[in-house]
C-alpha atoms as a PDB file:
ATOM      1  CA  MET A   1     130.082 124.953 105.893  1.00  0.00           C
ATOM      2  CA  ASN A   2     128.280 124.653 102.577  1.00  0.00           C
ATOM      3  CA  GLU A   3     124.850 123.299 103.480  1.00  0.00           C
ATOM      4  CA  ASP A   4     124.141 121.905  99.993  1.00  0.00           C
ATOM      5  CA  GLN A   5     127.197 119.654  99.957  1.00  0.00           C
ATOM      6  CA  GLY A   6     127.094 118.185 103.462  1.00  0.00           C
ATOM      7  CA  GLY A   7     125.283 115.157 104.816  1.00  0.00           C
ATOM      8  CA  SER A   8     124.066 112.622 102.324  1.00  0.00           C
ATOM      9  CA  LEU A   9     121.940 114.829 100.063  1.00  0.00           C
ATOM     10  CA  VAL A  10     122.224 113.480  96.524  1.00  0.00           C
ATOM     11  CA  GLU A  11     120.795 114.889  93.313  1.00  0.00           C
ATOM     12  CA  ILE A  12     118.828 112.017  91.791  1.00  0.00           C
ATOM     13  CA  THR A  13     118.197 111.803  88.046  1.00  0.00           C
ATOM     14  CA  ASP A  14     116.562 109.310  85.710  1.00  0.00           C
ATOM     15  CA  GLU A  15     120.095 108.235  84.778  1.00  0.00           C
ATOM     16  CA  ASN A  16     121.473 107.624  88.299  1.00  0.00           C
ATOM     17  CA  PHE A  17     118.288 106.456  90.068  1.00  0.00           C
ATOM     18  CA  SER A  18     119.132 102.763  89.707  1.00  0.00           C
ATOM     19  CA  ASP A  19     122.677 103.188  91.049  1.00  0.00           C
ATOM     20  CA  GLU A  20     121.860 105.664  93.821  1.00  0.00           C
ATOM     21  CA  ILE A  21     118.541 104.242  95.076  1.00  0.00           C
ATOM     22  CA  GLU A  22     117.678 100.800  93.721  1.00  0.00           C
ATOM     23  CA  SER A  23     121.193  99.414  94.243  1.00  0.00           C
ATOM     24  CA  SER A  24     121.475 101.055  97.656  1.00  0.00           C
ATOM     25  CA  ASP A  25     121.461  99.121 100.924  1.00  0.00           C
ATOM     26  CA  GLY A  26     119.405 100.429 103.813  1.00  0.00           C
ATOM     27  CA  LEU A  27     116.934 103.291 103.789  1.00  0.00           C
ATOM     28  CA  ALA A  28     116.762 105.977 101.107  1.00  0.00           C
ATOM     29  CA  MET A  29     114.366 108.917 100.942  1.00  0.00           C
ATOM     30  CA  VAL A  30     113.750 110.758  97.652  1.00  0.00           C
ATOM     31  CA  ASP A  31     112.041 114.147  97.477  1.00  0.00           C
ATOM     32  CA  PHE A  32     110.222 114.517  94.125  1.00  0.00           C
ATOM     33  CA  TRP A  33     109.900 118.280  93.554  1.00  0.00           C
ATOM     34  CA  ALA A  34     109.851 121.065  90.945  1.00  0.00           C
ATOM     35  CA  GLU A  35     111.160 124.626  90.889  1.00  0.00           C
ATOM     36  CA  TRP A  36     107.675 126.140  90.340  1.00  0.00           C
ATOM     37  CA  CYS A  37     106.034 124.199  93.209  1.00  0.00           C
ATOM     38  CA  GLY A  38     105.305 126.373  96.251  1.00  0.00           C
ATOM     39  CA  PRO A  39     104.829 123.531  98.766  1.00  0.00           C
ATOM     40  CA  CYS A  40     108.083 121.992  97.474  1.00  0.00           C
ATOM     41  CA  ARG A  41     109.905 125.130  98.614  1.00  0.00           C
ATOM     42  CA  LEU A  42     108.482 124.594 102.107  1.00  0.00           C
ATOM     43  CA  VAL A  43     109.583 120.951 102.219  1.00  0.00           C
ATOM     44  CA  GLY A  44     113.021 121.508 100.650  1.00  0.00           C
ATOM     45  CA  PRO A  45     114.732 122.937 103.757  1.00  0.00           C
ATOM     46  CA  ILE A  46     113.253 120.140 105.913  1.00  0.00           C
ATOM     47  CA  VAL A  47     114.656 117.527 103.529  1.00  0.00           C
ATOM     48  CA  ASP A  48     118.034 119.299 103.633  1.00  0.00           C
ATOM     49  CA  GLU A  49     118.005 119.261 107.449  1.00  0.00           C
ATOM     50  CA  LEU A  50     117.177 115.564 107.543  1.00  0.00           C
ATOM     51  CA  ALA A  51     120.006 114.829 105.088  1.00  0.00           C
ATOM     52  CA  HIS A  52     122.427 116.351 107.601  1.00  0.00           C
ATOM     53  CA  GLU A  53     120.859 115.175 110.858  1.00  0.00           C
ATOM     54  CA  GLN A  54     120.054 111.601 109.782  1.00  0.00           C
ATOM     55  CA  SER A  55     122.961 110.933 107.393  1.00  0.00           C
ATOM     56  CA  ASP A  56     123.978 107.855 109.383  1.00  0.00           C
ATOM     57  CA  ARG A  57     120.469 106.342 109.035  1.00  0.00           C
ATOM     58  CA  VAL A  58     119.100 107.386 105.649  1.00  0.00           C
ATOM     59  CA  LYS A  59     120.366 108.391 102.220  1.00  0.00           C
ATOM     60  CA  VAL A  60     118.491 111.512 101.114  1.00  0.00           C
ATOM     61  CA  GLY A  61     118.002 112.505  97.502  1.00  0.00           C
ATOM     62  CA  LYS A  62     116.101 115.144  95.564  1.00  0.00           C
ATOM     63  CA  MET A  63     114.668 114.613  92.100  1.00  0.00           C
ATOM     64  CA  ASP A  64     113.406 117.449  89.891  1.00  0.00           C
ATOM     65  CA  VAL A  65     110.336 115.921  88.198  1.00  0.00           C
ATOM     66  CA  ASP A  66     110.480 118.373  85.280  1.00  0.00           C
ATOM     67  CA  ALA A  67     114.034 117.341  84.411  1.00  0.00           C
ATOM     68  CA  ASN A  68     113.448 113.640  85.214  1.00  0.00           C
ATOM     69  CA  PRO A  69     109.926 112.638  84.145  1.00  0.00           C
ATOM     70  CA  ASP A  70     110.637 108.931  83.561  1.00  0.00           C
ATOM     71  CA  THR A  71     111.253 107.985  87.189  1.00  0.00           C
ATOM     72  CA  ALA A  72     108.359 110.140  88.427  1.00  0.00           C
ATOM     73  CA  PHE A  73     106.059 108.403  85.931  1.00  0.00           C
ATOM     74  CA  ARG A  74     107.405 104.955  86.860  1.00  0.00           C
ATOM     75  CA  PHE A  75     106.506 105.498  90.536  1.00  0.00           C
ATOM     76  CA  ASN A  76     103.181 107.185  89.719  1.00  0.00           C
ATOM     77  CA  VAL A  77     104.181 110.521  91.243  1.00  0.00           C
ATOM     78  CA  ARG A  78     101.216 112.738  90.350  1.00  0.00           C
ATOM     79  CA  SER A  79     101.361 115.290  93.148  1.00  0.00           C
ATOM     80  CA  ILE A  80     104.414 117.091  94.399  1.00  0.00           C
ATOM     81  CA  PRO A  81     106.047 117.289  96.745  1.00  0.00           C
ATOM     82  CA  SER A  82     106.067 113.514  97.092  1.00  0.00           C
ATOM     83  CA  ILE A  83     108.664 111.860  99.269  1.00  0.00           C
ATOM     84  CA  LEU A  84     109.260 108.192  98.546  1.00  0.00           C
ATOM     85  CA  PHE A  85     111.028 105.860 100.938  1.00  0.00           C
ATOM     86  CA  PHE A  86     113.036 102.906  99.646  1.00  0.00           C
ATOM     87  CA  LYS A  87     114.455 100.103 101.777  1.00  0.00           C
ATOM     88  CA  ASP A  88     117.206  98.055 100.114  1.00  0.00           C
ATOM     89  CA  GLY A  89     116.036  99.386  96.742  1.00  0.00           C
ATOM     90  CA  GLU A  90     112.319  98.589  97.213  1.00  0.00           C
ATOM     91  CA  LEU A  91     109.604 101.244  97.589  1.00  0.00           C
ATOM     92  CA  VAL A  92     108.205 100.914 101.126  1.00  0.00           C
ATOM     93  CA  ASP A  93     106.376 104.190 101.803  1.00  0.00           C
ATOM     94  CA  THR A  94     105.211 107.489 100.323  1.00  0.00           C
ATOM     95  CA  VAL A  95     104.413 110.865 101.867  1.00  0.00           C
ATOM     96  CA  ILE A  96     102.481 113.264  99.627  1.00  0.00           C
ATOM     97  CA  GLY A  97     102.252 117.006 100.157  1.00  0.00           C
ATOM     98  CA  ALA A  98     104.012 119.409 102.472  1.00  0.00           C
ATOM     99  CA  GLN A  99     104.331 117.609 105.790  1.00  0.00           C
ATOM    100  CA  PRO A 100     106.037 118.728 108.988  1.00  0.00           C
ATOM    101  CA  LYS A 101     109.516 117.456 109.799  1.00  0.00           C
ATOM    102  CA  SER A 102     108.109 115.218 112.547  1.00  0.00           C
ATOM    103  CA  VAL A 103     106.133 113.170 109.991  1.00  0.00           C
ATOM    104  CA  LEU A 104     109.276 112.486 107.952  1.00  0.00           C
ATOM    105  CA  GLU A 105     111.252 111.681 111.097  1.00  0.00           C
ATOM    106  CA  GLN A 106     108.586 109.143 112.096  1.00  0.00           C
ATOM    107  CA  LYS A 107     108.872 107.481 108.666  1.00  0.00           C
ATOM    108  CA  ILE A 108     112.665 107.302 109.012  1.00  0.00           C
ATOM    109  CA  ASP A 109     112.279 105.791 112.506  1.00  0.00           C
ATOM    110  CA  GLN A 110     109.714 103.314 111.177  1.00  0.00           C
ATOM    111  CA  HIS A 111     111.840 102.056 108.282  1.00  0.00           C
ATOM    112  CA  ALA A 112     115.467 102.556 109.350  1.00  0.00           C
END
C-alpha cells in the first residue's frame, strides 16, 4: 500500500484551500510545514498516521508554507509546524510546534 495516497491526506495549496477546507463539512486539520523545518519532519509522519487512522472523522491536509505563503499569512502562521483545525470551514483551534500524537488526537476528539 502506498502510504502517501491512502486515507484522506490532501495536499493543500493557496489555490485549493477554499474548496478543500473552507467549503468542507465536518472537521479538517491542516499541517503548515516547510521542507527545511526540522520539527516539521518529526510531525509529518504523525500527521500521515492520523490521516489514515482517523479518515472517517477528519480530513487531513498538508500545506507547504514556502510554496503557499498567502494562506499562511492569512491565518497568521508565524511558526511551523502549525496545525490548524477547521470545523465546517471555520478555524476552531491551532497547535504550534512539534507535539506528540496524543495532543493531536485529543484535538480531533474535542472537535469531531
